[in-house]
Amino acid sequence: MTEEAFNEKNLLHKNENKYFWVVLSISIVSYILFALSIVGIFIIPAFLLISMLLHALMIGQILLNAVRRKK
């Protein structure tokens, strides 16, 4: 296979950069609005807690599936 087949640009959809910026801007605006509201004071820590829990589960699954080398 040629190096062109593994070019990073070939792995991206043509509109992926636009989609990323749309999602990023919506996320930033929503976090600002949450931070300014009373309800957001409870929502943001809940999001952070859920994110940390899911991250810990993912790391645990990766470690569980890891292949160990015998010495």
PDB file of N, CA and C in Angstrom:
ATOM      1  N   MET A   1       0.832  -1.186   0.000  1.00  0.00           N
ATOM      2  CA  MET A   1       0.000   0.000   0.000  1.00  0.00           C
ATOM      3  C   MET A   1       0.877   1.249   0.000  1.00  0.00           C
ATOM      4  N   THR A   2       0.366   2.284  -0.553  1.00  0.00           N
ATOM      5  CA  THR A   2       1.121   3.526  -0.625  1.00  0.00           C
ATOM      6  C   THR A   2       0.846   4.371   0.617  1.00  0.00           C
ATOM      7  N   GLU A   3       1.700   5.362   0.804  1.00  0.00           N
ATOM      8  CA  GLU A   3       1.511   6.252   1.945  1.00  0.00           C
ATOM      9  C   GLU A   3       0.270   7.111   1.784  1.00  0.00           C
ATOM     10  N   GLU A   4      -0.168   7.337   0.551  1.00  0.00           N
ATOM     11  CA  GLU A   4      -1.363   8.138   0.315  1.00  0.00           C
ATOM     12  C   GLU A   4      -2.599   7.479   0.915  1.00  0.00           C
ATOM     13  N   ALA A   5      -2.626   6.157   0.956  1.00  0.00           N
ATOM     14  CA  ALA A   5      -3.776   5.443   1.503  1.00  0.00           C
ATOM     15  C   ALA A   5      -3.915   5.688   2.999  1.00  0.00           C
ATOM     16  N   PHE A   6      -2.812   5.979   3.680  1.00  0.00           N
ATOM     17  CA  PHE A   6      -2.841   6.191   5.118  1.00  0.00           C
ATOM     18  C   PHE A   6      -2.715   7.657   5.492  1.00  0.00           C
ATOM     19  N   ASN A   7      -2.949   8.530   4.561  1.00  0.00           N
ATOM     20  CA  ASN A   7      -2.888   9.956   4.826  1.00  0.00           C
ATOM     21  C   ASN A   7      -3.975  10.334   5.828  1.00  0.00           C
ATOM     22  N   GLU A   8      -3.634  11.168   6.783  1.00  0.00           N
ATOM     23  CA  GLU A   8      -4.581  11.570   7.824  1.00  0.00           C
ATOM     24  C   GLU A   8      -5.815  12.245   7.245  1.00  0.00           C
ATOM     25  N   LYS A   9      -5.648  13.021   6.188  1.00  0.00           N
ATOM     26  CA  LYS A   9      -6.774  13.726   5.573  1.00  0.00           C
ATOM     27  C   LYS A   9      -7.779  12.759   4.968  1.00  0.00           C
ATOM     28  N   ASN A  10      -7.331  11.584   4.569  1.00  0.00           N
ATOM     29  CA  ASN A  10      -8.253  10.611   3.995  1.00  0.00           C
ATOM     30  C   ASN A  10      -9.174  10.017   5.052  1.00  0.00           C
ATOM     31  N   LEU A  11      -8.783  10.119   6.314  1.00  0.00           N
ATOM     32  CA  LEU A  11      -9.585   9.552   7.386  1.00  0.00           C
ATOM     33  C   LEU A  11     -10.685  10.503   7.844  1.00  0.00           C
ATOM     34  N   LEU A  12     -10.632  11.760   7.449  1.00  0.00           N
ATOM     35  CA  LEU A  12     -11.602  12.760   7.876  1.00  0.00           C
ATOM     36  C   LEU A  12     -12.693  12.949   6.834  1.00  0.00           C
ATOM     37  N   HIS A  13     -13.916  13.133   7.328  1.00  0.00           N
ATOM     38  CA  HIS A  13     -15.018  13.493   6.439  1.00  0.00           C
ATOM     39  C   HIS A  13     -14.797  14.938   6.004  1.00  0.00           C
ATOM     40  N   LYS A  14     -15.252  15.291   4.832  1.00  0.00           N
ATOM     41  CA  LYS A  14     -14.953  16.639   4.313  1.00  0.00           C
ATOM     42  C   LYS A  14     -15.542  17.754   5.171  1.00  0.00           C
ATOM     43  N   ASN A  15     -16.620  17.491   5.911  1.00  0.00           N
ATOM     44  CA  ASN A  15     -17.233  18.523   6.754  1.00  0.00           C
ATOM     45  C   ASN A  15     -16.922  18.358   8.238  1.00  0.00           C
ATOM     46  N   GLU A  16     -16.003  17.447   8.573  1.00  0.00           N
ATOM     47  CA  GLU A  16     -15.759  17.149   9.980  1.00  0.00           C
ATOM     48  C   GLU A  16     -15.245  18.364  10.762  1.00  0.00           C
ATOM     49  N   ASN A  17     -14.409  19.174  10.176  1.00  0.00           N
ATOM     50  CA  ASN A  17     -13.913  20.367  10.874  1.00  0.00           C
ATOM     51  C   ASN A  17     -15.036  21.349  11.167  1.00  0.00           C
ATOM     52  N   LYS A  18     -15.961  21.520  10.227  1.00  0.00           N
ATOM     53  CA  LYS A  18     -17.113  22.406  10.456  1.00  0.00           C
ATOM     54  C   LYS A  18     -17.968  21.873  11.598  1.00  0.00           C
ATOM     55  N   TYR A  19     -18.233  20.552  11.593  1.00  0.00           N
ATOM     56  CA  TYR A  19     -19.037  19.940  12.642  1.00  0.00           C
ATOM     57  C   TYR A  19     -18.376  20.110  14.005  1.00  0.00           C
ATOM     58  N   PHE A  20     -17.061  19.966  14.049  1.00  0.00           N
ATOM     59  CA  PHE A  20     -16.342  20.137  15.307  1.00  0.00           C
ATOM     60  C   PHE A  20     -16.539  21.538  15.861  1.00  0.00           C
ATOM     61  N   TRP A  21     -16.396  22.547  15.016  1.00  0.00           N
ATOM     62  CA  TRP A  21     -16.532  23.926  15.493  1.00  0.00           C
ATOM     63  C   TRP A  21     -17.964  24.248  15.900  1.00  0.00           C
ATOM     64  N   VAL A  22     -18.943  23.673  15.223  1.00  0.00           N
ATOM     65  CA  VAL A  22     -20.345  23.882  15.607  1.00  0.00           C
ATOM     66  C   VAL A  22     -20.595  23.285  16.992  1.00  0.00           C
ATOM     67  N   VAL A  23     -20.155  22.061  17.201  1.00  0.00           N
ATOM     68  CA  VAL A  23     -20.356  21.394  18.487  1.00  0.00           C
ATOM     69  C   VAL A  23     -19.590  22.108  19.592  1.00  0.00           C
ATOM     70  N   LEU A  24     -18.372  22.530  19.309  1.00  0.00           N
ATOM     71  CA  LEU A  24     -17.577  23.244  20.311  1.00  0.00           C
ATOM     72  C   LEU A  24     -18.239  24.550  20.722  1.00  0.00           C
ATOM     73  N   SER A  25     -18.730  25.311  19.758  1.00  0.00           N
ATOM     74  CA  SER A  25     -19.358  26.589  20.087  1.00  0.00           C
ATOM     75  C   SER A  25     -20.654  26.387  20.867  1.00  0.00           C
ATOM     76  N   ILE A  26     -21.444  25.375  20.516  1.00  0.00           N
ATOM     77  CA  ILE A  26     -22.666  25.087  21.267  1.00  0.00           C
ATOM     78  C   ILE A  26     -22.320  24.677  22.697  1.00  0.00           C
ATOM     79  N   SER A  27     -21.271  23.885  22.854  1.00  0.00           N
ATOM     80  CA  SER A  27     -20.864  23.451  24.187  1.00  0.00           C
ATOM     81  C   SER A  27     -20.412  24.626  25.042  1.00  0.00           C
ATOM     82  N   ILE A  28     -19.622  25.502  24.481  1.00  0.00           N
ATOM     83  CA  ILE A  28     -19.128  26.659  25.239  1.00  0.00           C
ATOM     84  C   ILE A  28     -20.288  27.549  25.668  1.00  0.00           C
ATOM     85  N   VAL A  29     -21.214  27.819  24.753  1.00  0.00           N
ATOM     86  CA  VAL A  29     -22.369  28.666  25.082  1.00  0.00           C
ATOM     87  C   VAL A  29     -23.225  28.006  26.159  1.00  0.00           C
ATOM     88  N   SER A  30     -23.451  26.699  26.047  1.00  0.00           N
ATOM     89  CA  SER A  30     -24.290  26.026  27.040  1.00  0.00           C
ATOM     90  C   SER A  30     -23.620  26.026  28.409  1.00  0.00           C
ATOM     91  N   TYR A  31     -22.305  25.816  28.485  1.00  0.00           N
ATOM     92  CA  TYR A  31     -21.625  25.857  29.783  1.00  0.00           C
ATOM     93  C   TYR A  31     -21.664  27.261  30.389  1.00  0.00           C
ATOM     94  N   ILE A  32     -21.544  28.284  29.571  1.00  0.00           N
ATOM     95  CA  ILE A  32     -21.638  29.657  30.090  1.00  0.00           C
ATOM     96  C   ILE A  32     -23.037  29.908  30.644  1.00  0.00           C
ATOM     97  N   LEU A  33     -24.062  29.470  29.908  1.00  0.00           N
ATOM     98  CA  LEU A  33     -25.435  29.656  30.381  1.00  0.00           C
ATOM     99  C   LEU A  33     -25.703  28.849  31.648  1.00  0.00           C
ATOM    100  N   PHE A  34     -25.181  27.625  31.708  1.00  0.00           N
ATOM    101  CA  PHE A  34     -25.334  26.825  32.922  1.00  0.00           C
ATOM    102  C   PHE A  34     -24.657  27.490  34.111  1.00  0.00           C
ATOM    103  N   ALA A  35     -23.476  28.039  33.892  1.00  0.00           N
ATOM    104  CA  ALA A  35     -22.734  28.659  34.984  1.00  0.00           C
ATOM    105  C   ALA A  35     -23.455  29.893  35.513  1.00  0.00           C
ATOM    106  N   LEU A  36     -24.232  30.566  34.681  1.00  0.00           N
ATOM    107  CA  LEU A  36     -24.940  31.775  35.089  1.00  0.00           C
ATOM    108  C   LEU A  36     -26.314  31.489  35.683  1.00  0.00           C
ATOM    109  N   SER A  37     -26.762  30.236  35.625  1.00  0.00           N
ATOM    110  CA  SER A  37     -28.088  29.922  36.149  1.00  0.00           C
ATOM    111  C   SER A  37     -27.980  29.158  37.464  1.00  0.00           C
ATOM    112  N   ILE A  38     -29.067  29.166  38.206  1.00  0.00           N
ATOM    113  CA  ILE A  38     -29.113  28.453  39.490  1.00  0.00           C
ATOM    114  C   ILE A  38     -29.067  26.945  39.243  1.00  0.00           C
ATOM    115  N   VAL A  39     -29.793  26.473  38.263  1.00  0.00           N
ATOM    116  CA  VAL A  39     -29.846  25.046  37.958  1.00  0.00           C
ATOM    117  C   VAL A  39     -28.484  24.553  37.470  1.00  0.00           C
ATOM    118  N   GLY A  40     -27.776  25.394  36.751  1.00  0.00           N
ATOM    119  CA  GLY A  40     -26.469  25.025  36.223  1.00  0.00           C
ATOM    120  C   GLY A  40     -25.437  24.744  37.290  1.00  0.00           C
ATOM    121  N   ILE A  41     -25.632  25.352  38.458  1.00  0.00           N
ATOM    122  CA  ILE A  41     -24.710  25.104  39.563  1.00  0.00           C
ATOM    123  C   ILE A  41     -24.745  23.631  39.954  1.00  0.00           C
ATOM    124  N   PHE A  42     -25.879  22.982  39.761  1.00  0.00           N
ATOM    125  CA  PHE A  42     -26.003  21.562  40.066  1.00  0.00           C
ATOM    126  C   PHE A  42     -25.713  20.681  38.847  1.00  0.00           C
ATOM    127  N   ILE A  43     -25.981  21.188  37.662  1.00  0.00           N
ATOM    128  CA  ILE A  43     -25.808  20.390  36.440  1.00  0.00           C
ATOM    129  C   ILE A  43     -24.326  20.201  36.105  1.00  0.00           C
ATOM    130  N   ILE A  44     -23.536  21.255  36.192  1.00  0.00           N
ATOM    131  CA  ILE A  44     -22.120  21.162  35.819  1.00  0.00           C
ATOM    132  C   ILE A  44     -21.366  20.159  36.702  1.00  0.00           C
ATOM    133  N   PRO A  45     -21.509  20.199  38.035  1.00  0.00           N
ATOM    134  CA  PRO A  45     -20.834  19.163  38.835  1.00  0.00           C
ATOM    135  C   PRO A  45     -21.335  17.750  38.537  1.00  0.00           C
ATOM    136  N   ALA A  46     -22.630  17.618  38.230  1.00  0.00           N
ATOM    137  CA  ALA A  46     -23.160  16.298  37.872  1.00  0.00           C
ATOM    138  C   ALA A  46     -22.511  15.806  36.582  1.00  0.00           C
ATOM    139  N   PHE A  47     -22.374  16.688  35.589  1.00  0.00           N
ATOM    140  CA  PHE A  47     -21.697  16.315  34.336  1.00  0.00           C
ATOM    141  C   PHE A  47     -20.255  15.904  34.610  1.00  0.00           C
ATOM    142  N   LEU A  48     -19.563  16.663  35.439  1.00  0.00           N
ATOM    143  CA  LEU A  48     -18.179  16.341  35.758  1.00  0.00           C
ATOM    144  C   LEU A  48     -18.067  14.998  36.477  1.00  0.00           C
ATOM    145  N   LEU A  49     -18.971  14.744  37.417  1.00  0.00           N
ATOM    146  CA  LEU A  49     -18.951  13.481  38.146  1.00  0.00           C
ATOM    147  C   LEU A  49     -19.223  12.299  37.222  1.00  0.00           C
ATOM    148  N   ILE A  50     -20.223  12.432  36.359  1.00  0.00           N
ATOM    149  CA  ILE A  50     -20.531  11.363  35.403  1.00  0.00           C
ATOM    150  C   ILE A  50     -19.366  11.150  34.453  1.00  0.00           C
ATOM    151  N   SER A  51     -18.749  12.233  33.995  1.00  0.00           N
ATOM    152  CA  SER A  51     -17.610  12.123  33.087  1.00  0.00           C
ATOM    153  C   SER A  51     -16.442  11.403  33.752  1.00  0.00           C
ATOM    154  N   MET A  52     -16.159  11.745  35.007  1.00  0.00           N
ATOM    155  CA  MET A  52     -15.059  11.086  35.716  1.00  0.00           C
ATOM    156  C   MET A  52     -15.369   9.610  35.954  1.00  0.00           C
ATOM    157  N   LEU A  53     -16.604   9.288  36.283  1.00  0.00           N
ATOM    158  CA  LEU A  53     -16.997   7.899  36.499  1.00  0.00           C
ATOM    159  C   LEU A  53     -16.846   7.084  35.221  1.00  0.00           C
ATOM    160  N   LEU A  54     -17.333   7.625  34.107  1.00  0.00           N
ATOM    161  CA  LEU A  54     -17.226   6.913  32.836  1.00  0.00           C
ATOM    162  C   LEU A  54     -15.769   6.774  32.391  1.00  0.00           C
ATOM    163  N   HIS A  55     -14.960   7.791  32.670  1.00  0.00           N
ATOM    164  CA  HIS A  55     -13.537   7.719  32.340  1.00  0.00           C
ATOM    165  C   HIS A  55     -12.857   6.621  33.153  1.00  0.00           C
ATOM    166  N   ALA A  56     -13.181   6.534  34.438  1.00  0.00           N
ATOM    167  CA  ALA A  56     -12.605   5.494  35.290  1.00  0.00           C
ATOM    168  C   ALA A  56     -13.023   4.108  34.812  1.00  0.00           C
ATOM    169  N   LEU A  57     -14.280   3.946  34.413  1.00  0.00           N
ATOM    170  CA  LEU A  57     -14.740   2.660  33.886  1.00  0.00           C
ATOM    171  C   LEU A  57     -14.019   2.296  32.590  1.00  0.00           C
ATOM    172  N   MET A  58     -13.794   3.296  31.731  1.00  0.00           N
ATOM    173  CA  MET A  58     -13.098   3.039  30.479  1.00  0.00           C
ATOM    174  C   MET A  58     -11.655   2.614  30.734  1.00  0.00           C
ATOM    175  N   ILE A  59     -10.959   3.308  31.634  1.00  0.00           N
ATOM    176  CA  ILE A  59      -9.579   2.950  31.961  1.00  0.00           C
ATOM    177  C   ILE A  59      -9.536   1.548  32.562  1.00  0.00           C
ATOM    178  N   GLY A  60     -10.488   1.228  33.435  1.00  0.00           N
ATOM    179  CA  GLY A  60     -10.548  -0.103  34.014  1.00  0.00           C
ATOM    180  C   GLY A  60     -10.751  -1.174  32.955  1.00  0.00           C
ATOM    181  N   GLN A  61     -11.615  -0.909  31.983  1.00  0.00           N
ATOM    182  CA  GLN A  61     -11.854  -1.868  30.903  1.00  0.00           C
ATOM    183  C   GLN A  61     -10.610  -2.035  30.037  1.00  0.00           C
ATOM    184  N   ILE A  62      -9.916  -0.942  29.761  1.00  0.00           N
ATOM    185  CA  ILE A  62      -8.682  -1.025  28.971  1.00  0.00           C
ATOM    186  C   ILE A  62      -7.639  -1.849  29.711  1.00  0.00           C
ATOM    187  N   LEU A  63      -7.489  -1.612  31.009  1.00  0.00           N
ATOM    188  CA  LEU A  63      -6.516  -2.371  31.791  1.00  0.00           C
ATOM    189  C   LEU A  63      -6.906  -3.839  31.895  1.00  0.00           C
ATOM    190  N   LEU A  64      -8.196  -4.108  31.979  1.00  0.00           N
ATOM    191  CA  LEU A  64      -8.666  -5.490  32.055  1.00  0.00           C
ATOM    192  C   LEU A  64      -8.371  -6.246  30.763  1.00  0.00           C
ATOM    193  N   ASN A  65      -8.495  -5.566  29.637  1.00  0.00           N
ATOM    194  CA  ASN A  65      -8.285  -6.193  28.346  1.00  0.00           C
ATOM    195  C   ASN A  65      -6.810  -6.191  27.911  1.00  0.00           C
ATOM    196  N   ALA A  66      -5.948  -5.575  28.698  1.00  0.00           N
ATOM    197  CA  ALA A  66      -4.543  -5.468  28.318  1.00  0.00           C
ATOM    198  C   ALA A  66      -3.877  -6.846  28.324  1.00  0.00           C
ATOM    199  N   VAL A  67      -2.981  -7.021  27.410  1.00  0.00           N
ATOM    200  CA  VAL A  67      -2.208  -8.255  27.342  1.00  0.00           C
ATOM    201  C   VAL A  67      -0.956  -8.077  28.190  1.00  0.00           C
ATOM    202  N   ARG A  68      -0.736  -8.978  29.110  1.00  0.00           N
ATOM    203  CA  ARG A  68       0.434  -8.875  29.990  1.00  0.00           C
ATOM    204  C   ARG A  68       1.545  -9.752  29.447  1.00  0.00           C
ATOM    205  N   ARG A  69       2.748  -9.217  29.491  1.00  0.00           N
ATOM    206  CA  ARG A  69       3.920  -9.975  29.055  1.00  0.00           C
ATOM    207  C   ARG A  69       4.444 -10.817  30.186  1.00  0.00           C
ATOM    208  N   LYS A  70       4.770 -12.049  29.877  1.00  0.00           N
ATOM    209  CA  LYS A  70       5.381 -12.897  30.891  1.00  0.00           C
ATOM    210  C   LYS A  70       6.876 -12.649  30.913  1.00  0.00           C
ATOM    211  N   LYS A  71       7.450 -12.684  32.095  1.00  0.00           N
ATOM    212  CA  LYS A  71       8.896 -12.453  32.205  1.00  0.00           C
ATOM    213  C   LYS A  71       9.616 -13.755  32.196  1.00  0.00           C
TER     214      LYS A  71
END
